[in-house]
Amino acid sequence: MTFVNRSGKKLWIGGTVNKDELDGDSKNLKSLPVLKPGQSATVTIPEVKAPHHWRGKFFARQGCSGKPGSTFHCAIGDCGVFAQRCKTGEQPVSLAEFNFDKKETKAPWYDVSYVNAFSLPITIAPKGAEKVTKNGSCSQQGCRKNLLRCCPKGDRQHNSAGKTVLCVNPNRDATSAYSDAVKKHCPKAYAWSKQDQETGNRTMRQCAKCKGFVVTFW
């Protein structure tokens, strides 16, 4: 998994496993990169050992400061006091979601999710299997567009200078002005939790023969 920072900001990569993972299943990664603008870094997803799968998501933490392990804190995407790993669940933020499973022939599955919130544009591109099939397998997901500009006014969160830094979904389980804006401007990302049940949706893809992924934060 290669992470690329095209955002123009310093990013602390966060990652958490899905909430339905039980003890002994997927584990949070312990060493995720910190990227300055223009930097990239690659990590290995440990699905080769028991339980032979990893189901979770990655995201960009922004505006972080403090002493790691003690007072470390991020203004956006906060997930605990450590700079290179998460101790808690993430605040609402843009997500790159994955399901790696050695026992499933169609895996890995992947998607960009703005279901909880939009913070930065994300794209996910497979490596080693770049040919997109007729059903959309192995396609690039997400988009480069900054959706903060399209965020409904009531869903915007601002920093101390009054700049919009986050767009939060008011109801992840129902359509809204928020989900309408996301679907209009980024149809290859999740806008609400049940969008994958809509006819013709393009939210989730799989790429069984790929050799990895590039996750870019724009």
N, C-alpha and C. Protein backbone atom coordinates (compact mmCIF):
# COMPACT_ATOMS: atom_id res chain seq x y z
N MET A 1 0.85 -1.18 0.00
CA MET A 1 0.00 0.00 0.00
C MET A 1 0.89 1.24 0.00
N THR A 2 0.82 2.02 -1.08
CA THR A 2 1.63 3.23 -1.17
C THR A 2 0.74 4.44 -0.93
N PHE A 3 1.14 5.28 0.01
CA PHE A 3 0.43 6.51 0.31
C PHE A 3 1.18 7.68 -0.31
N VAL A 4 0.45 8.56 -0.99
CA VAL A 4 1.05 9.71 -1.67
C VAL A 4 0.36 10.97 -1.18
N ASN A 5 1.16 11.97 -0.82
CA ASN A 5 0.62 13.23 -0.31
C ASN A 5 0.73 14.33 -1.37
N ARG A 6 -0.39 14.65 -2.00
CA ARG A 6 -0.47 15.74 -2.97
C ARG A 6 -1.31 16.89 -2.43
N SER A 7 -1.53 16.93 -1.14
CA SER A 7 -2.46 17.90 -0.55
C SER A 7 -1.84 19.27 -0.31
N GLY A 8 -0.51 19.32 -0.32
CA GLY A 8 0.14 20.58 0.02
C GLY A 8 0.26 20.81 1.52
N LYS A 9 -0.18 19.82 2.32
CA LYS A 9 -0.13 19.92 3.77
C LYS A 9 0.62 18.72 4.34
N LYS A 10 1.16 18.87 5.53
CA LYS A 10 1.75 17.73 6.21
C LYS A 10 0.64 16.82 6.69
N LEU A 11 0.78 15.51 6.45
CA LEU A 11 -0.26 14.55 6.81
C LEU A 11 0.32 13.43 7.67
N TRP A 12 -0.44 13.04 8.68
CA TRP A 12 -0.13 11.88 9.50
C TRP A 12 -1.13 10.80 9.10
N ILE A 13 -0.65 9.71 8.51
CA ILE A 13 -1.57 8.68 8.03
C ILE A 13 -2.10 7.88 9.21
N GLY A 14 -3.41 7.73 9.25
CA GLY A 14 -4.05 6.94 10.28
C GLY A 14 -4.68 5.70 9.67
N GLY A 15 -4.88 4.68 10.48
CA GLY A 15 -5.51 3.45 10.00
C GLY A 15 -6.18 2.70 11.14
N THR A 16 -7.39 2.23 10.91
CA THR A 16 -8.10 1.45 11.91
C THR A 16 -8.79 0.27 11.24
N VAL A 17 -8.98 -0.82 11.97
CA VAL A 17 -9.70 -1.97 11.44
C VAL A 17 -11.20 -1.75 11.66
N ASN A 18 -12.00 -2.53 10.95
CA ASN A 18 -13.45 -2.40 11.06
C ASN A 18 -13.93 -2.74 12.46
N LYS A 19 -15.00 -2.09 12.89
CA LYS A 19 -15.49 -2.27 14.25
C LYS A 19 -15.99 -3.69 14.53
N ASP A 20 -16.38 -4.42 13.49
CA ASP A 20 -16.90 -5.77 13.70
C ASP A 20 -15.80 -6.83 13.77
N GLU A 21 -14.53 -6.39 13.72
CA GLU A 21 -13.43 -7.33 13.84
C GLU A 21 -13.25 -7.74 15.31
N LEU A 22 -13.22 -9.04 15.56
CA LEU A 22 -13.07 -9.54 16.92
C LEU A 22 -11.60 -9.71 17.27
N ASP A 23 -11.31 -9.86 18.55
CA ASP A 23 -9.92 -10.13 18.98
C ASP A 23 -9.38 -11.35 18.26
N GLY A 24 -8.17 -11.24 17.74
CA GLY A 24 -7.56 -12.33 17.01
C GLY A 24 -7.73 -12.19 15.51
N ASP A 25 -8.54 -11.24 15.07
CA ASP A 25 -8.72 -11.00 13.65
C ASP A 25 -7.82 -9.84 13.22
N SER A 26 -8.30 -8.96 12.37
CA SER A 26 -7.47 -7.85 11.88
C SER A 26 -6.93 -7.02 13.03
N LYS A 27 -5.71 -6.56 12.88
CA LYS A 27 -5.07 -5.74 13.90
C LYS A 27 -4.69 -4.39 13.31
N ASN A 28 -4.78 -3.34 14.12
CA ASN A 28 -4.34 -2.03 13.67
C ASN A 28 -2.85 -2.05 13.36
N LEU A 29 -2.46 -1.39 12.28
CA LEU A 29 -1.04 -1.29 11.94
C LEU A 29 -0.35 -0.38 12.94
N LYS A 30 0.89 -0.72 13.29
CA LYS A 30 1.59 -0.02 14.36
C LYS A 30 2.57 1.04 13.86
N SER A 31 2.84 1.07 12.55
CA SER A 31 3.82 2.03 12.05
C SER A 31 3.37 2.58 10.71
N LEU A 32 2.62 3.66 10.75
CA LEU A 32 2.13 4.31 9.54
C LEU A 32 2.92 5.60 9.31
N PRO A 33 3.06 6.02 8.05
CA PRO A 33 3.97 7.14 7.75
C PRO A 33 3.42 8.52 8.09
N VAL A 34 4.35 9.43 8.25
CA VAL A 34 4.06 10.87 8.32
C VAL A 34 4.64 11.48 7.05
N LEU A 35 3.81 12.15 6.27
CA LEU A 35 4.23 12.61 4.95
C LEU A 35 4.18 14.13 4.83
N LYS A 36 5.30 14.70 4.43
CA LYS A 36 5.33 16.10 4.06
C LYS A 36 4.76 16.23 2.65
N PRO A 37 4.39 17.46 2.22
CA PRO A 37 3.86 17.62 0.87
C PRO A 37 4.79 17.04 -0.19
N GLY A 38 4.22 16.23 -1.08
CA GLY A 38 4.99 15.61 -2.16
C GLY A 38 5.62 14.29 -1.82
N GLN A 39 5.62 13.90 -0.56
CA GLN A 39 6.25 12.65 -0.16
C GLN A 39 5.31 11.46 -0.34
N SER A 40 5.90 10.26 -0.40
CA SER A 40 5.12 9.02 -0.45
C SER A 40 5.82 7.98 0.41
N ALA A 41 5.09 6.94 0.78
CA ALA A 41 5.66 5.86 1.59
C ALA A 41 4.82 4.61 1.37
N THR A 42 5.46 3.45 1.51
CA THR A 42 4.79 2.17 1.26
C THR A 42 4.81 1.31 2.52
N VAL A 43 3.67 0.69 2.82
CA VAL A 43 3.58 -0.24 3.94
C VAL A 43 3.00 -1.55 3.43
N THR A 44 3.21 -2.63 4.17
CA THR A 44 2.68 -3.96 3.81
C THR A 44 1.49 -4.28 4.69
N ILE A 45 0.40 -4.69 4.05
CA ILE A 45 -0.79 -5.10 4.80
C ILE A 45 -0.62 -6.57 5.20
N PRO A 46 -0.71 -6.89 6.49
CA PRO A 46 -0.33 -8.23 6.96
C PRO A 46 -1.45 -9.27 6.85
N GLU A 47 -1.96 -9.51 5.62
CA GLU A 47 -2.99 -10.54 5.49
C GLU A 47 -2.42 -11.92 5.20
N VAL A 48 -1.07 -12.04 5.17
CA VAL A 48 -0.45 -13.33 4.84
C VAL A 48 -0.37 -14.26 6.05
N LYS A 49 -0.61 -13.72 7.24
CA LYS A 49 -0.60 -14.54 8.45
C LYS A 49 -2.03 -14.69 8.97
N ALA A 50 -2.25 -15.59 9.87
CA ALA A 50 -3.58 -15.76 10.46
C ALA A 50 -4.06 -14.41 11.02
N PRO A 51 -5.29 -14.02 10.74
CA PRO A 51 -6.41 -14.77 10.17
C PRO A 51 -6.49 -14.71 8.64
N HIS A 52 -5.41 -14.32 7.97
CA HIS A 52 -5.33 -14.28 6.51
C HIS A 52 -6.28 -13.27 5.87
N HIS A 53 -6.60 -12.24 6.62
CA HIS A 53 -7.35 -11.13 6.04
C HIS A 53 -7.05 -9.86 6.83
N TRP A 54 -7.37 -8.73 6.21
CA TRP A 54 -7.28 -7.43 6.89
C TRP A 54 -8.41 -6.58 6.34
N ARG A 55 -9.27 -6.11 7.23
CA ARG A 55 -10.42 -5.30 6.82
C ARG A 55 -10.41 -4.01 7.62
N GLY A 56 -10.21 -2.90 6.92
CA GLY A 56 -10.13 -1.64 7.63
C GLY A 56 -10.03 -0.46 6.69
N LYS A 57 -9.56 0.68 7.22
CA LYS A 57 -9.51 1.90 6.42
C LYS A 57 -8.33 2.76 6.83
N PHE A 58 -7.95 3.63 5.88
CA PHE A 58 -6.88 4.59 6.09
C PHE A 58 -7.41 6.00 5.85
N PHE A 59 -6.76 6.97 6.47
CA PHE A 59 -7.21 8.36 6.36
C PHE A 59 -6.05 9.29 6.68
N ALA A 60 -6.24 10.55 6.38
CA ALA A 60 -5.20 11.55 6.64
C ALA A 60 -5.57 12.38 7.86
N ARG A 61 -4.65 12.44 8.80
CA ARG A 61 -4.81 13.32 9.97
C ARG A 61 -4.11 14.64 9.65
N GLN A 62 -4.76 15.73 10.02
CA GLN A 62 -4.22 17.05 9.70
C GLN A 62 -4.12 17.91 10.96
N GLY A 63 -3.21 18.88 10.90
CA GLY A 63 -3.08 19.84 11.99
C GLY A 63 -2.68 19.19 13.30
N CYS A 64 -1.70 18.29 13.26
CA CYS A 64 -1.30 17.55 14.45
C CYS A 64 -0.16 18.25 15.18
N SER A 65 -0.16 18.15 16.50
CA SER A 65 0.90 18.74 17.31
C SER A 65 0.90 18.07 18.68
N GLY A 66 1.95 18.33 19.45
CA GLY A 66 2.06 17.78 20.79
C GLY A 66 3.08 16.65 20.85
N LYS A 67 3.31 16.15 22.03
CA LYS A 67 4.30 15.10 22.28
C LYS A 67 3.67 13.73 22.03
N PRO A 68 4.22 12.94 21.07
CA PRO A 68 3.67 11.60 20.80
C PRO A 68 3.65 10.74 22.05
N GLY A 69 2.53 10.09 22.28
CA GLY A 69 2.37 9.24 23.44
C GLY A 69 1.86 9.97 24.66
N SER A 70 1.74 11.32 24.55
CA SER A 70 1.33 12.11 25.70
C SER A 70 0.28 13.16 25.32
N THR A 71 0.73 14.24 24.69
CA THR A 71 -0.17 15.34 24.36
C THR A 71 -0.47 15.45 22.87
N PHE A 72 -0.03 14.47 22.09
CA PHE A 72 -0.24 14.52 20.64
C PHE A 72 -1.73 14.53 20.31
N HIS A 73 -2.10 15.42 19.38
CA HIS A 73 -3.50 15.61 19.03
C HIS A 73 -3.59 16.16 17.61
N CYS A 74 -4.62 15.76 16.87
CA CYS A 74 -4.83 16.24 15.51
C CYS A 74 -6.15 16.98 15.40
N ALA A 75 -6.14 18.10 14.70
CA ALA A 75 -7.36 18.89 14.56
C ALA A 75 -8.40 18.16 13.72
N ILE A 76 -7.95 17.38 12.71
CA ILE A 76 -8.84 16.64 11.83
C ILE A 76 -8.38 15.18 11.78
N GLY A 77 -9.31 14.24 11.95
CA GLY A 77 -8.96 12.82 11.90
C GLY A 77 -8.25 12.31 13.12
N ASP A 78 -8.43 12.94 14.25
CA ASP A 78 -7.73 12.54 15.47
C ASP A 78 -8.08 11.09 15.83
N CYS A 79 -7.08 10.33 16.26
CA CYS A 79 -7.34 8.94 16.65
C CYS A 79 -6.40 8.51 17.77
N GLY A 80 -6.07 9.42 18.66
CA GLY A 80 -5.25 9.07 19.80
C GLY A 80 -3.94 9.82 19.86
N VAL A 81 -3.12 9.47 20.84
CA VAL A 81 -1.94 10.26 21.18
C VAL A 81 -0.66 9.82 20.48
N PHE A 82 -0.75 8.89 19.53
CA PHE A 82 0.45 8.41 18.84
C PHE A 82 0.52 8.97 17.43
N ALA A 83 1.74 9.28 16.97
CA ALA A 83 1.93 9.90 15.67
C ALA A 83 1.88 8.89 14.53
N GLN A 84 2.22 7.64 14.78
CA GLN A 84 2.34 6.65 13.71
C GLN A 84 1.33 5.50 13.82
N ARG A 85 0.41 5.60 14.73
CA ARG A 85 -0.64 4.58 14.83
C ARG A 85 -1.83 5.15 15.59
N CYS A 86 -2.95 4.48 15.46
CA CYS A 86 -4.17 4.94 16.11
C CYS A 86 -4.45 4.13 17.37
N LYS A 87 -4.93 4.79 18.38
CA LYS A 87 -5.33 4.13 19.63
C LYS A 87 -6.85 4.10 19.75
N THR A 88 -7.51 5.07 19.13
CA THR A 88 -8.97 5.15 19.18
C THR A 88 -9.52 5.17 17.76
N GLY A 89 -10.84 5.13 17.62
CA GLY A 89 -11.47 5.32 16.32
C GLY A 89 -11.26 6.73 15.83
N GLU A 90 -11.41 6.92 14.52
CA GLU A 90 -11.14 8.23 13.93
C GLU A 90 -12.34 9.16 14.04
N GLN A 91 -12.07 10.44 14.09
CA GLN A 91 -13.12 11.45 13.94
C GLN A 91 -13.64 11.37 12.51
N PRO A 92 -14.85 11.93 12.22
CA PRO A 92 -15.37 11.93 10.84
C PRO A 92 -14.35 12.53 9.87
N VAL A 93 -14.07 11.79 8.78
CA VAL A 93 -13.01 12.17 7.86
C VAL A 93 -13.16 11.36 6.58
N SER A 94 -12.49 11.77 5.50
CA SER A 94 -12.46 11.00 4.26
C SER A 94 -11.70 9.68 4.49
N LEU A 95 -12.22 8.59 3.91
CA LEU A 95 -11.65 7.26 4.17
C LEU A 95 -11.30 6.52 2.88
N ALA A 96 -10.22 5.76 2.93
CA ALA A 96 -9.89 4.77 1.89
C ALA A 96 -10.08 3.40 2.53
N GLU A 97 -11.09 2.64 2.10
CA GLU A 97 -11.48 1.40 2.77
C GLU A 97 -11.06 0.18 1.96
N PHE A 98 -10.66 -0.89 2.68
CA PHE A 98 -10.16 -2.09 2.01
C PHE A 98 -10.63 -3.36 2.72
N ASN A 99 -10.78 -4.41 1.93
CA ASN A 99 -11.01 -5.75 2.44
C ASN A 99 -10.04 -6.69 1.73
N PHE A 100 -8.97 -7.05 2.41
CA PHE A 100 -8.00 -8.01 1.89
C PHE A 100 -8.32 -9.36 2.52
N ASP A 101 -8.54 -10.38 1.70
CA ASP A 101 -8.91 -11.68 2.24
C ASP A 101 -8.35 -12.78 1.33
N LYS A 102 -7.37 -13.52 1.82
CA LYS A 102 -6.73 -14.58 1.03
C LYS A 102 -7.70 -15.71 0.68
N LYS A 103 -8.80 -15.83 1.44
CA LYS A 103 -9.75 -16.90 1.20
C LYS A 103 -10.87 -16.51 0.24
N GLU A 104 -10.88 -15.26 -0.18
CA GLU A 104 -11.94 -14.79 -1.08
C GLU A 104 -11.33 -14.52 -2.47
N THR A 105 -11.80 -15.22 -3.48
CA THR A 105 -11.17 -15.15 -4.80
C THR A 105 -11.31 -13.79 -5.46
N LYS A 106 -12.33 -13.02 -5.11
CA LYS A 106 -12.54 -11.71 -5.72
C LYS A 106 -11.85 -10.57 -4.97
N ALA A 107 -11.38 -10.84 -3.78
CA ALA A 107 -10.70 -9.81 -3.00
C ALA A 107 -9.33 -9.50 -3.62
N PRO A 108 -8.78 -8.31 -3.39
CA PRO A 108 -9.26 -7.31 -2.45
C PRO A 108 -10.37 -6.40 -3.00
N TRP A 109 -11.24 -6.00 -2.09
CA TRP A 109 -12.26 -5.00 -2.37
C TRP A 109 -11.78 -3.65 -1.85
N TYR A 110 -12.22 -2.58 -2.49
CA TYR A 110 -11.77 -1.26 -2.06
C TYR A 110 -12.79 -0.19 -2.44
N ASP A 111 -12.79 0.89 -1.68
CA ASP A 111 -13.67 2.03 -1.98
C ASP A 111 -13.18 3.27 -1.27
N VAL A 112 -13.57 4.42 -1.80
CA VAL A 112 -13.38 5.71 -1.13
C VAL A 112 -14.71 6.06 -0.47
N SER A 113 -14.67 6.39 0.80
CA SER A 113 -15.90 6.68 1.54
C SER A 113 -15.90 8.10 2.11
N TYR A 114 -16.91 8.85 1.70
CA TYR A 114 -17.20 10.14 2.32
C TYR A 114 -18.50 10.04 3.11
N VAL A 115 -18.85 8.84 3.56
CA VAL A 115 -20.11 8.59 4.25
C VAL A 115 -20.21 9.39 5.54
N ASN A 116 -19.12 9.45 6.30
CA ASN A 116 -19.15 10.20 7.56
C ASN A 116 -18.82 11.67 7.37
N ALA A 117 -17.88 11.94 6.48
CA ALA A 117 -17.45 13.32 6.27
C ALA A 117 -16.50 13.39 5.08
N PHE A 118 -16.27 14.61 4.62
CA PHE A 118 -15.24 14.87 3.61
C PHE A 118 -14.23 15.83 4.21
N SER A 119 -12.94 15.43 4.14
CA SER A 119 -11.87 16.30 4.64
C SER A 119 -10.87 16.61 3.54
N LEU A 120 -10.43 15.57 2.82
CA LEU A 120 -9.51 15.73 1.69
C LEU A 120 -9.96 14.82 0.55
N PRO A 121 -9.70 15.20 -0.71
CA PRO A 121 -9.97 14.28 -1.81
C PRO A 121 -9.04 13.06 -1.73
N ILE A 122 -9.58 11.89 -2.05
CA ILE A 122 -8.81 10.65 -2.06
C ILE A 122 -9.05 9.91 -3.37
N THR A 123 -7.98 9.34 -3.94
CA THR A 123 -8.14 8.38 -5.02
C THR A 123 -7.42 7.10 -4.64
N ILE A 124 -7.97 5.96 -5.09
CA ILE A 124 -7.35 4.65 -4.90
C ILE A 124 -7.13 4.05 -6.29
N ALA A 125 -5.89 3.70 -6.60
CA ALA A 125 -5.56 3.13 -7.90
C ALA A 125 -4.82 1.80 -7.70
N PRO A 126 -5.30 0.70 -8.33
CA PRO A 126 -4.60 -0.59 -8.24
C PRO A 126 -3.24 -0.53 -8.93
N LYS A 127 -2.30 -1.33 -8.45
CA LYS A 127 -1.00 -1.49 -9.09
C LYS A 127 -0.88 -2.90 -9.63
N GLY A 128 -0.31 -3.03 -10.83
CA GLY A 128 -0.07 -4.34 -11.40
C GLY A 128 -1.25 -4.98 -12.07
N ALA A 129 -2.40 -4.29 -12.11
CA ALA A 129 -3.59 -4.79 -12.81
C ALA A 129 -4.40 -3.59 -13.27
N GLU A 130 -3.73 -2.73 -14.06
CA GLU A 130 -4.32 -1.45 -14.40
C GLU A 130 -5.43 -1.53 -15.45
N LYS A 131 -5.61 -2.69 -16.10
CA LYS A 131 -6.64 -2.82 -17.11
C LYS A 131 -8.01 -2.93 -16.45
N VAL A 132 -8.89 -1.97 -16.73
CA VAL A 132 -10.23 -1.97 -16.14
C VAL A 132 -11.13 -2.90 -16.93
N THR A 133 -11.84 -3.79 -16.24
CA THR A 133 -12.73 -4.73 -16.91
C THR A 133 -14.07 -4.08 -17.22
N LYS A 134 -14.92 -4.81 -17.97
CA LYS A 134 -16.21 -4.27 -18.37
C LYS A 134 -17.12 -3.96 -17.18
N ASN A 135 -16.98 -4.72 -16.09
CA ASN A 135 -17.82 -4.45 -14.92
C ASN A 135 -17.20 -3.44 -13.96
N GLY A 136 -16.10 -2.83 -14.38
CA GLY A 136 -15.47 -1.79 -13.56
C GLY A 136 -14.42 -2.28 -12.61
N SER A 137 -14.14 -3.58 -12.58
CA SER A 137 -13.09 -4.09 -11.70
C SER A 137 -11.75 -3.44 -12.02
N CYS A 138 -10.99 -3.15 -10.98
CA CYS A 138 -9.65 -2.55 -11.08
C CYS A 138 -9.68 -1.08 -11.52
N SER A 139 -10.83 -0.43 -11.45
CA SER A 139 -10.88 0.99 -11.81
C SER A 139 -10.36 1.84 -10.66
N GLN A 140 -9.95 3.05 -11.00
CA GLN A 140 -9.57 4.01 -9.97
C GLN A 140 -10.83 4.53 -9.30
N GLN A 141 -10.83 4.58 -7.98
CA GLN A 141 -11.99 5.05 -7.23
C GLN A 141 -11.70 6.40 -6.59
N GLY A 142 -12.77 7.12 -6.25
CA GLY A 142 -12.63 8.43 -5.66
C GLY A 142 -12.48 9.49 -6.72
N CYS A 143 -11.96 10.65 -6.33
CA CYS A 143 -11.77 11.76 -7.26
C CYS A 143 -10.82 12.78 -6.64
N ARG A 144 -10.32 13.67 -7.49
CA ARG A 144 -9.37 14.68 -7.01
C ARG A 144 -10.06 15.97 -6.56
N LYS A 145 -11.35 16.07 -6.80
CA LYS A 145 -12.05 17.33 -6.57
C LYS A 145 -12.21 17.63 -5.09
N ASN A 146 -11.96 18.89 -4.72
CA ASN A 146 -12.14 19.34 -3.34
C ASN A 146 -13.61 19.65 -3.11
N LEU A 147 -14.30 18.75 -2.42
CA LEU A 147 -15.73 18.89 -2.22
C LEU A 147 -16.10 19.86 -1.11
N LEU A 148 -15.12 20.41 -0.42
CA LEU A 148 -15.42 21.43 0.60
C LEU A 148 -16.13 22.62 -0.03
N ARG A 149 -15.81 22.89 -1.29
CA ARG A 149 -16.43 24.01 -1.98
C ARG A 149 -17.89 23.74 -2.31
N CYS A 150 -18.27 22.46 -2.35
CA CYS A 150 -19.64 22.07 -2.69
C CYS A 150 -20.45 21.71 -1.45
N CYS A 151 -19.87 21.82 -0.29
CA CYS A 151 -20.51 21.39 0.95
C CYS A 151 -21.69 22.30 1.31
N PRO A 152 -22.85 21.73 1.62
CA PRO A 152 -23.98 22.55 2.10
C PRO A 152 -23.55 23.37 3.31
N LYS A 153 -23.99 24.60 3.39
CA LYS A 153 -23.52 25.51 4.44
C LYS A 153 -23.73 24.95 5.85
N GLY A 154 -24.83 24.26 6.06
CA GLY A 154 -25.12 23.74 7.39
C GLY A 154 -24.24 22.59 7.81
N ASP A 155 -23.50 22.00 6.87
CA ASP A 155 -22.66 20.84 7.16
C ASP A 155 -21.18 21.20 7.28
N ARG A 156 -20.86 22.48 7.16
CA ARG A 156 -19.46 22.90 7.17
C ARG A 156 -18.94 23.12 8.59
N GLN A 157 -17.66 22.73 8.79
CA GLN A 157 -16.96 23.05 10.02
C GLN A 157 -15.75 23.90 9.68
N HIS A 158 -15.45 24.88 10.52
CA HIS A 158 -14.41 25.86 10.22
C HIS A 158 -13.31 25.84 11.27
N ASN A 159 -12.13 26.31 10.85
CA ASN A 159 -11.03 26.47 11.81
C ASN A 159 -11.13 27.84 12.46
N SER A 160 -10.14 28.15 13.29
CA SER A 160 -10.18 29.42 14.03
C SER A 160 -10.12 30.63 13.13
N ALA A 161 -9.61 30.46 11.90
CA ALA A 161 -9.54 31.56 10.95
C ALA A 161 -10.81 31.69 10.11
N GLY A 162 -11.78 30.81 10.34
CA GLY A 162 -13.03 30.86 9.61
C GLY A 162 -13.03 30.10 8.30
N LYS A 163 -11.95 29.36 8.02
CA LYS A 163 -11.86 28.59 6.77
C LYS A 163 -12.55 27.24 6.93
N THR A 164 -13.30 26.83 5.91
CA THR A 164 -13.94 25.52 5.94
C THR A 164 -12.89 24.43 5.81
N VAL A 165 -12.84 23.53 6.80
CA VAL A 165 -11.83 22.46 6.81
C VAL A 165 -12.46 21.07 6.81
N LEU A 166 -13.77 20.99 7.00
CA LEU A 166 -14.43 19.70 7.08
C LEU A 166 -15.90 19.85 6.70
N CYS A 167 -16.41 18.84 5.99
CA CYS A 167 -17.83 18.78 5.64
C CYS A 167 -18.38 17.49 6.23
N VAL A 168 -19.31 17.60 7.17
CA VAL A 168 -19.78 16.44 7.94
C VAL A 168 -21.19 16.04 7.50
N ASN A 169 -21.36 14.75 7.23
CA ASN A 169 -22.66 14.22 6.84
C ASN A 169 -23.62 14.27 8.03
N PRO A 170 -24.76 14.93 7.90
CA PRO A 170 -25.70 15.02 9.03
C PRO A 170 -26.43 13.72 9.33
N ASN A 171 -26.50 12.81 8.34
CA ASN A 171 -27.17 11.52 8.54
C ASN A 171 -26.59 10.52 7.55
N ARG A 172 -25.67 9.69 8.02
CA ARG A 172 -24.97 8.76 7.13
C ARG A 172 -25.90 7.69 6.56
N ASP A 173 -27.06 7.46 7.18
CA ASP A 173 -27.95 6.37 6.77
C ASP A 173 -29.15 6.84 5.95
N ALA A 174 -29.10 8.06 5.44
CA ALA A 174 -30.19 8.58 4.62
C ALA A 174 -29.63 9.56 3.60
N THR A 175 -30.35 9.72 2.50
CA THR A 175 -29.94 10.71 1.51
C THR A 175 -30.20 12.12 2.05
N SER A 176 -29.42 13.07 1.57
CA SER A 176 -29.51 14.44 2.07
C SER A 176 -28.87 15.38 1.05
N ALA A 177 -28.87 16.67 1.34
CA ALA A 177 -28.16 17.61 0.49
C ALA A 177 -26.68 17.28 0.44
N TYR A 178 -26.15 16.77 1.56
CA TYR A 178 -24.74 16.35 1.60
C TYR A 178 -24.49 15.21 0.62
N SER A 179 -25.28 14.13 0.70
CA SER A 179 -25.05 12.99 -0.19
C SER A 179 -25.31 13.35 -1.64
N ASP A 180 -26.28 14.22 -1.89
CA ASP A 180 -26.54 14.67 -3.26
C ASP A 180 -25.33 15.39 -3.84
N ALA A 181 -24.68 16.23 -3.02
CA ALA A 181 -23.50 16.97 -3.48
C ALA A 181 -22.34 16.03 -3.77
N VAL A 182 -22.13 15.04 -2.90
CA VAL A 182 -21.04 14.09 -3.11
C VAL A 182 -21.28 13.27 -4.37
N LYS A 183 -22.49 12.74 -4.54
CA LYS A 183 -22.80 11.91 -5.71
C LYS A 183 -22.68 12.71 -7.01
N LYS A 184 -23.05 13.97 -6.98
CA LYS A 184 -22.96 14.80 -8.17
C LYS A 184 -21.52 15.05 -8.59
N HIS A 185 -20.66 15.34 -7.62
CA HIS A 185 -19.30 15.77 -7.92
C HIS A 185 -18.27 14.65 -7.81
N CYS A 186 -18.62 13.53 -7.16
CA CYS A 186 -17.68 12.41 -7.03
C CYS A 186 -18.47 11.10 -7.00
N PRO A 187 -19.01 10.66 -8.14
CA PRO A 187 -19.86 9.47 -8.17
C PRO A 187 -19.14 8.17 -7.85
N LYS A 188 -17.81 8.16 -7.84
CA LYS A 188 -17.07 6.93 -7.55
C LYS A 188 -16.58 6.92 -6.10
N ALA A 189 -17.36 7.56 -5.22
CA ALA A 189 -17.11 7.50 -3.78
C ALA A 189 -18.45 7.32 -3.08
N TYR A 190 -18.42 6.68 -1.93
CA TYR A 190 -19.63 6.53 -1.12
C TYR A 190 -20.07 7.88 -0.57
N ALA A 191 -21.37 8.20 -0.73
CA ALA A 191 -21.92 9.44 -0.20
C ALA A 191 -22.82 9.19 1.02
N TRP A 192 -23.40 7.98 1.09
CA TRP A 192 -24.19 7.58 2.26
C TRP A 192 -24.13 6.06 2.38
N SER A 193 -24.52 5.52 3.53
CA SER A 193 -24.18 4.14 3.87
C SER A 193 -24.79 3.08 2.95
N LYS A 194 -25.95 3.35 2.37
CA LYS A 194 -26.61 2.34 1.54
C LYS A 194 -26.53 2.66 0.04
N GLN A 195 -25.59 3.48 -0.33
CA GLN A 195 -25.46 3.84 -1.74
C GLN A 195 -25.11 2.64 -2.62
N ASP A 196 -24.43 1.65 -2.04
CA ASP A 196 -24.06 0.47 -2.82
C ASP A 196 -25.28 -0.36 -3.23
N GLN A 197 -26.46 -0.06 -2.68
CA GLN A 197 -27.68 -0.75 -3.05
C GLN A 197 -28.46 -0.03 -4.15
N GLU A 198 -27.99 1.14 -4.55
CA GLU A 198 -28.65 1.88 -5.61
C GLU A 198 -28.27 1.31 -6.97
N THR A 199 -29.22 1.23 -7.87
CA THR A 199 -28.97 0.71 -9.21
C THR A 199 -27.93 1.56 -9.94
N GLY A 200 -26.95 0.88 -10.51
CA GLY A 200 -25.94 1.58 -11.29
C GLY A 200 -24.88 2.30 -10.49
N ASN A 201 -24.84 2.09 -9.17
CA ASN A 201 -23.84 2.78 -8.36
C ASN A 201 -22.43 2.31 -8.72
N ARG A 202 -21.43 3.16 -8.46
CA ARG A 202 -20.03 2.84 -8.78
C ARG A 202 -19.14 3.00 -7.55
N THR A 203 -19.68 2.64 -6.39
CA THR A 203 -18.99 2.94 -5.14
C THR A 203 -17.84 1.99 -4.81
N MET A 204 -18.08 0.67 -4.90
CA MET A 204 -17.08 -0.31 -4.48
C MET A 204 -16.59 -1.13 -5.66
N ARG A 205 -15.29 -1.46 -5.65
CA ARG A 205 -14.70 -2.25 -6.72
C ARG A 205 -13.79 -3.33 -6.12
N GLN A 206 -13.42 -4.29 -6.96
CA GLN A 206 -12.48 -5.32 -6.55
C GLN A 206 -11.45 -5.49 -7.65
N CYS A 207 -10.26 -6.02 -7.27
CA CYS A 207 -9.18 -6.21 -8.24
C CYS A 207 -8.33 -7.38 -7.76
N ALA A 208 -8.79 -8.60 -8.09
CA ALA A 208 -8.19 -9.81 -7.53
C ALA A 208 -6.73 -10.01 -7.90
N LYS A 209 -6.33 -9.53 -9.08
CA LYS A 209 -4.97 -9.81 -9.55
C LYS A 209 -3.99 -8.66 -9.34
N CYS A 210 -4.41 -7.62 -8.65
CA CYS A 210 -3.50 -6.49 -8.46
C CYS A 210 -2.41 -6.84 -7.45
N LYS A 211 -1.32 -6.11 -7.52
CA LYS A 211 -0.17 -6.35 -6.65
C LYS A 211 -0.05 -5.32 -5.55
N GLY A 212 -1.01 -4.43 -5.47
CA GLY A 212 -0.99 -3.39 -4.45
C GLY A 212 -1.87 -2.24 -4.86
N PHE A 213 -1.84 -1.17 -4.06
CA PHE A 213 -2.66 0.00 -4.32
C PHE A 213 -1.87 1.27 -4.04
N VAL A 214 -2.26 2.34 -4.74
CA VAL A 214 -1.75 3.67 -4.45
C VAL A 214 -2.92 4.50 -3.93
N VAL A 215 -2.80 4.98 -2.71
CA VAL A 215 -3.79 5.86 -2.10
C VAL A 215 -3.22 7.27 -2.11
N THR A 216 -3.87 8.17 -2.85
CA THR A 216 -3.36 9.53 -2.97
C THR A 216 -4.31 10.50 -2.28
N PHE A 217 -3.75 11.35 -1.45
CA PHE A 217 -4.51 12.43 -0.81
C PHE A 217 -4.20 13.72 -1.56
N TRP A 218 -5.26 14.38 -2.07
CA TRP A 218 -5.09 15.54 -2.95
C TRP A 218 -5.35 16.85 -2.20
